[in-house]
């Protein structure tokens, strides 16, 4: 039964992630990213990781995306004049490749839906997704990536402020 919820939710996330990449507007890309993060929170709920789902909504879909929107508005990015689809050989190749990828994904989804039972694949331990378990794992096994991510976010914020200050002068 969980797979009937997972596949549409995963498809929703993939479509919105493609919307982030292919959107012409930076604000539209940010909105697509917010929707994708909310869909990812739904997948975490299906995995019985409710605490991580709440963190996903509050921290990423909330605070980080507000920061992204602030930077986009601060930089005042405008749409270019040439936003249409220009016929080139590369675009035809990418269109054919995207169509082949979509057919492959649809085939795989159909294969999975019609060849497996709709059961929960595994049972999870009682400590999975708890605050204590996440905190212990984050600050023991993953402390270096955690700190590197915080330094990268700090550098991105400083860079955005420096870029915006040069535009204002």
C-alpha atoms as a PDB file:
ATOM      1  CA  UNK A   1       0.000   0.000   0.000  1.00  0.00           C
ATOM      2  CA  UNK A   2       2.862   2.370   0.763  1.00  0.00           C
ATOM      3  CA  UNK A   3       4.180   1.966  -2.774  1.00  0.00           C
ATOM      4  CA  UNK A   4       0.913   3.384  -4.148  1.00  0.00           C
ATOM      5  CA  UNK A   5       1.679   6.581  -2.270  1.00  0.00           C
ATOM      6  CA  UNK A   6       5.438   6.523  -2.835  1.00  0.00           C
ATOM      7  CA  UNK A   7       5.482   6.374  -6.647  1.00  0.00           C
ATOM      8  CA  UNK A   8       3.215   9.382  -7.284  1.00  0.00           C
ATOM      9  CA  UNK A   9       5.090  11.322  -4.602  1.00  0.00           C
ATOM     10  CA  UNK A  10       8.451  10.393  -6.120  1.00  0.00           C
ATOM     11  CA  UNK A  11       7.179  11.318  -9.587  1.00  0.00           C
ATOM     12  CA  UNK A  12       5.996  14.656  -8.179  1.00  0.00           C
ATOM     13  CA  UNK A  13       9.496  15.249  -6.752  1.00  0.00           C
ATOM     14  CA  UNK A  14      11.195  14.343 -10.040  1.00  0.00           C
ATOM     15  CA  UNK A  15       8.907  16.644 -12.058  1.00  0.00           C
ATOM     16  CA  UNK A  16       9.534  19.534  -9.679  1.00  0.00           C
ATOM     17  CA  UNK A  17      13.291  18.876  -9.672  1.00  0.00           C
ATOM     18  CA  UNK A  18      13.207  19.090 -13.471  1.00  0.00           C
ATOM     19  CA  UNK A  19      11.233  22.313 -13.049  1.00  0.00           C
ATOM     20  CA  UNK A  20      14.104  23.692 -10.969  1.00  0.00           C
ATOM     21  CA  UNK A  21      16.586  22.929 -13.736  1.00  0.00           C
ATOM     22  CA  UNK A  22      14.551  23.942 -16.784  1.00  0.00           C
ATOM     23  CA  UNK A  23      12.674  26.974 -15.449  1.00  0.00           C
ATOM     24  CA  UNK A  24      13.654  30.307 -17.029  1.00  0.00           C
ATOM     25  CA  UNK A  25      12.792  32.362 -13.963  1.00  0.00           C
ATOM     26  CA  UNK A  26      14.917  32.143 -10.796  1.00  0.00           C
ATOM     27  CA  UNK A  27      11.819  32.689  -8.669  1.00  0.00           C
ATOM     28  CA  UNK A  28      10.005  29.872 -10.479  1.00  0.00           C
ATOM     29  CA  UNK A  29      12.989  27.602  -9.894  1.00  0.00           C
ATOM     30  CA  UNK A  30      12.959  28.436  -6.193  1.00  0.00           C
ATOM     31  CA  UNK A  31       9.212  27.739  -5.957  1.00  0.00           C
ATOM     32  CA  UNK A  32       9.738  24.390  -7.702  1.00  0.00           C
ATOM     33  CA  UNK A  33      12.509  23.598  -5.220  1.00  0.00           C
ATOM     34  CA  UNK A  34      10.181  24.369  -2.302  1.00  0.00           C
ATOM     35  CA  UNK A  35       7.565  21.983  -3.727  1.00  0.00           C
ATOM     36  CA  UNK A  36      10.205  19.316  -4.250  1.00  0.00           C
ATOM     37  CA  UNK A  37      11.358  19.635  -0.657  1.00  0.00           C
ATOM     38  CA  UNK A  38       7.789  19.278   0.576  1.00  0.00           C
ATOM     39  CA  UNK A  39       7.404  16.123  -1.531  1.00  0.00           C
ATOM     40  CA  UNK A  40      10.644  14.811  -0.056  1.00  0.00           C
ATOM     41  CA  UNK A  41       9.221  15.426   3.413  1.00  0.00           C
ATOM     42  CA  UNK A  42       6.247  13.268   2.397  1.00  0.00           C
ATOM     43  CA  UNK A  43       8.650  10.490   1.403  1.00  0.00           C
ATOM     44  CA  UNK A  44      10.325  10.770   4.810  1.00  0.00           C
ATOM     45  CA  UNK A  45       6.894  10.370   6.436  1.00  0.00           C
ATOM     46  CA  UNK A  46       6.372   7.179   4.428  1.00  0.00           C
ATOM     47  CA  UNK A  47       9.721   5.922   5.746  1.00  0.00           C
ATOM     48  CA  UNK A  48       8.484   6.485   9.330  1.00  0.00           C
ATOM     49  CA  UNK A  49      11.102   9.229   9.813  1.00  0.00           C
ATOM     50  CA  UNK A  50       8.703  11.870  11.097  1.00  0.00           C
ATOM     51  CA  UNK A  51      11.346  13.977  12.820  1.00  0.00           C
ATOM     52  CA  UNK A  52      13.402  14.249   9.629  1.00  0.00           C
ATOM     53  CA  UNK A  53      10.237  15.143   7.697  1.00  0.00           C
ATOM     54  CA  UNK A  54       9.491  17.981  10.127  1.00  0.00           C
ATOM     55  CA  UNK A  55      13.093  19.190   9.888  1.00  0.00           C
ATOM     56  CA  UNK A  56      12.833  19.077   6.090  1.00  0.00           C
ATOM     57  CA  UNK A  57       9.791  21.341   6.134  1.00  0.00           C
ATOM     58  CA  UNK A  58      10.970  23.766   8.814  1.00  0.00           C
ATOM     59  CA  UNK A  59      14.641  24.115   7.917  1.00  0.00           C
ATOM     60  CA  UNK A  60      14.890  23.514   4.179  1.00  0.00           C
ATOM     61  CA  UNK A  61      11.466  24.365   2.749  1.00  0.00           C
ATOM     62  CA  UNK A  62      11.149  27.181   5.275  1.00  0.00           C
ATOM     63  CA  UNK A  63      14.343  28.880   6.382  1.00  0.00           C
ATOM     64  CA  UNK A  64      16.799  27.988   3.616  1.00  0.00           C
ATOM     65  CA  UNK A  65      14.322  28.767   0.849  1.00  0.00           C
ATOM     66  CA  UNK A  66      13.476  32.101   2.446  1.00  0.00           C
ATOM     67  CA  UNK A  67      17.197  32.835   2.341  1.00  0.00           C
ATOM     68  CA  UNK A  68      17.342  31.783  -1.337  1.00  0.00           C
ATOM     69  CA  UNK A  69      14.362  33.998  -2.181  1.00  0.00           C
ATOM     70  CA  UNK A  70      15.975  36.893  -0.310  1.00  0.00           C
ATOM     71  CA  UNK A  71      19.187  36.484  -2.328  1.00  0.00           C
ATOM     72  CA  UNK A  72      17.241  36.240  -5.608  1.00  0.00           C
ATOM     73  CA  UNK A  73      15.313  39.407  -4.811  1.00  0.00           C
ATOM     74  CA  UNK A  74      18.471  41.150  -3.586  1.00  0.00           C
ATOM     75  CA  UNK A  75      20.369  40.384  -6.786  1.00  0.00           C
ATOM     76  CA  UNK A  76      17.361  41.534  -8.837  1.00  0.00           C
ATOM     77  CA  UNK A  77      17.835  38.965 -11.586  1.00  0.00           C
ATOM     78  CA  UNK A  78      15.840  39.804 -14.680  1.00  0.00           C
ATOM     79  CA  UNK A  79      14.760  37.616 -17.540  1.00  0.00           C
ATOM     80  CA  UNK A  80      16.855  37.905 -20.680  1.00  0.00           C
ATOM     81  CA  UNK A  81      15.365  38.863 -24.037  1.00  0.00           C
ATOM     82  CA  UNK A  82      16.082  35.477 -25.611  1.00  0.00           C
ATOM     83  CA  UNK A  83      13.988  33.009 -23.588  1.00  0.00           C
ATOM     84  CA  UNK A  84      12.438  31.031 -26.450  1.00  0.00           C
ATOM     85  CA  UNK A  85      13.353  27.598 -27.709  1.00  0.00           C
ATOM     86  CA  UNK A  86      15.911  27.935 -30.475  1.00  0.00           C
ATOM     87  CA  UNK A  87      16.126  25.109 -32.972  1.00  0.00           C
ATOM     88  CA  UNK A  88      19.601  23.631 -32.819  1.00  0.00           C
ATOM     89  CA  UNK A  89      20.995  20.156 -33.305  1.00  0.00           C
ATOM     90  CA  UNK A  90      21.844  19.959 -29.616  1.00  0.00           C
ATOM     91  CA  UNK A  91      18.239  20.722 -28.637  1.00  0.00           C
ATOM     92  CA  UNK A  92      16.933  17.963 -30.907  1.00  0.00           C
ATOM     93  CA  UNK A  93      19.378  15.501 -29.377  1.00  0.00           C
ATOM     94  CA  UNK A  94      18.376  16.535 -25.849  1.00  0.00           C
ATOM     95  CA  UNK A  95      14.686  16.211 -26.735  1.00  0.00           C
ATOM     96  CA  UNK A  96      15.178  12.683 -28.088  1.00  0.00           C
ATOM     97  CA  UNK A  97      17.291  11.743 -25.062  1.00  0.00           C
ATOM     98  CA  UNK A  98      14.675  13.127 -22.655  1.00  0.00           C
ATOM     99  CA  UNK A  99      11.902  11.229 -24.438  1.00  0.00           C
ATOM    100  CA  UNK A 100      13.896   7.986 -24.247  1.00  0.00           C
ATOM    101  CA  UNK A 101      14.534   8.582 -20.553  1.00  0.00           C
ATOM    102  CA  UNK A 102      10.826   9.233 -19.905  1.00  0.00           C
ATOM    103  CA  UNK A 103       9.856   6.022 -21.734  1.00  0.00           C
ATOM    104  CA  UNK A 104      12.423   4.079 -19.704  1.00  0.00           C
ATOM    105  CA  UNK A 105      11.169   5.518 -16.427  1.00  0.00           C
ATOM    106  CA  UNK A 106       7.539   4.761 -17.303  1.00  0.00           C
ATOM    107  CA  UNK A 107       8.495   1.203 -18.282  1.00  0.00           C
ATOM    108  CA  UNK A 108      10.344   0.667 -14.989  1.00  0.00           C
ATOM    109  CA  UNK A 109       7.448   2.081 -12.940  1.00  0.00           C
ATOM    110  CA  UNK A 110       5.004  -0.221 -14.738  1.00  0.00           C
ATOM    111  CA  UNK A 111       7.329  -3.183 -14.249  1.00  0.00           C
ATOM    112  CA  UNK A 112       7.607  -2.497 -10.527  1.00  0.00           C
ATOM    113  CA  UNK A 113       3.879  -1.926 -10.049  1.00  0.00           C
ATOM    114  CA  UNK A 114       2.793  -5.099 -11.823  1.00  0.00           C
ATOM    115  CA  UNK A 115       5.484  -7.506 -10.609  1.00  0.00           C
ATOM    116  CA  UNK A 116       5.724  -6.913  -6.853  1.00  0.00           C
ATOM    117  CA  UNK A 117       3.486  -7.217  -3.860  1.00  0.00           C
ATOM    118  CA  UNK A 118       2.372  -3.986  -2.273  1.00  0.00           C
ATOM    119  CA  UNK A 119       3.799  -4.716   1.176  1.00  0.00           C
ATOM    120  CA  UNK A 120       6.117  -2.801   3.407  1.00  0.00           C
ATOM    121  CA  UNK A 121       9.593  -3.977   2.411  1.00  0.00           C
ATOM    122  CA  UNK A 122      11.172  -4.027   5.876  1.00  0.00           C
ATOM    123  CA  UNK A 123      10.513  -3.419   9.539  1.00  0.00           C
ATOM    124  CA  UNK A 124      12.386  -0.567  11.152  1.00  0.00           C
ATOM    125  CA  UNK A 125      13.935  -0.486  14.616  1.00  0.00           C
ATOM    126  CA  UNK A 126      12.156   1.552  17.275  1.00  0.00           C
ATOM    127  CA  UNK A 127      15.008   4.083  17.477  1.00  0.00           C
ATOM    128  CA  UNK A 128      14.892   4.902  13.753  1.00  0.00           C
ATOM    129  CA  UNK A 129      14.303   8.600  13.136  1.00  0.00           C
ATOM    130  CA  UNK A 130      14.310   9.651  16.780  1.00  0.00           C
ATOM    131  CA  UNK A 131      15.981  12.863  17.882  1.00  0.00           C
ATOM    132  CA  UNK A 132      18.577  11.020  19.961  1.00  0.00           C
ATOM    133  CA  UNK A 133      19.506   8.663  17.134  1.00  0.00           C
ATOM    134  CA  UNK A 134      19.783  11.461  14.567  1.00  0.00           C
ATOM    135  CA  UNK A 135      21.826  13.656  16.911  1.00  0.00           C
ATOM    136  CA  UNK A 136      24.199  10.835  17.779  1.00  0.00           C
ATOM    137  CA  UNK A 137      24.707   9.893  14.130  1.00  0.00           C
ATOM    138  CA  UNK A 138      25.054  13.496  12.973  1.00  0.00           C
ATOM    139  CA  UNK A 139      27.647  14.499  15.546  1.00  0.00           C
ATOM    140  CA  UNK A 140      29.692  11.284  15.518  1.00  0.00           C
ATOM    141  CA  UNK A 141      29.772   9.785  12.020  1.00  0.00           C
ATOM    142  CA  UNK A 142      28.859  12.859   9.959  1.00  0.00           C
ATOM    143  CA  UNK A 143      30.382  15.767  11.886  1.00  0.00           C
ATOM    144  CA  UNK A 144      32.821  16.738   9.108  1.00  0.00           C
ATOM    145  CA  UNK A 145      30.206  16.897   6.298  1.00  0.00           C
ATOM    146  CA  UNK A 146      27.889  18.782   8.677  1.00  0.00           C
ATOM    147  CA  UNK A 147      30.531  21.433   9.347  1.00  0.00           C
ATOM    148  CA  UNK A 148      31.554  21.651   5.678  1.00  0.00           C
ATOM    149  CA  UNK A 149      27.911  22.266   4.708  1.00  0.00           C
ATOM    150  CA  UNK A 150      27.629  25.058   7.291  1.00  0.00           C
ATOM    151  CA  UNK A 151      30.823  26.716   6.000  1.00  0.00           C
ATOM    152  CA  UNK A 152      29.552  26.484   2.409  1.00  0.00           C
ATOM    153  CA  UNK A 153      26.247  28.118   3.382  1.00  0.00           C
ATOM    154  CA  UNK A 154      28.113  30.882   5.200  1.00  0.00           C
ATOM    155  CA  UNK A 155      30.367  31.481   2.173  1.00  0.00           C
ATOM    156  CA  UNK A 156      27.321  31.596  -0.122  1.00  0.00           C
ATOM    157  CA  UNK A 157      25.626  34.205   2.065  1.00  0.00           C
ATOM    158  CA  UNK A 158      28.757  36.359   2.228  1.00  0.00           C
ATOM    159  CA  UNK A 159      29.188  36.061  -1.547  1.00  0.00           C
ATOM    160  CA  UNK A 160      25.594  37.131  -2.163  1.00  0.00           C
ATOM    161  CA  UNK A 161      26.003  40.172   0.061  1.00  0.00           C
ATOM    162  CA  UNK A 162      29.269  41.137  -1.656  1.00  0.00           C
ATOM    163  CA  UNK A 163      27.667  40.791  -5.104  1.00  0.00           C
ATOM    164  CA  UNK A 164      24.660  42.834  -4.056  1.00  0.00           C
ATOM    165  CA  UNK A 165      26.832  45.544  -2.477  1.00  0.00           C
ATOM    166  CA  UNK A 166      28.820  45.975  -5.706  1.00  0.00           C
ATOM    167  CA  UNK A 167      25.562  46.416  -7.628  1.00  0.00           C
ATOM    168  CA  UNK A 168      24.337  49.103  -5.240  1.00  0.00           C
ATOM    169  CA  UNK A 169      27.473  51.253  -5.469  1.00  0.00           C
END
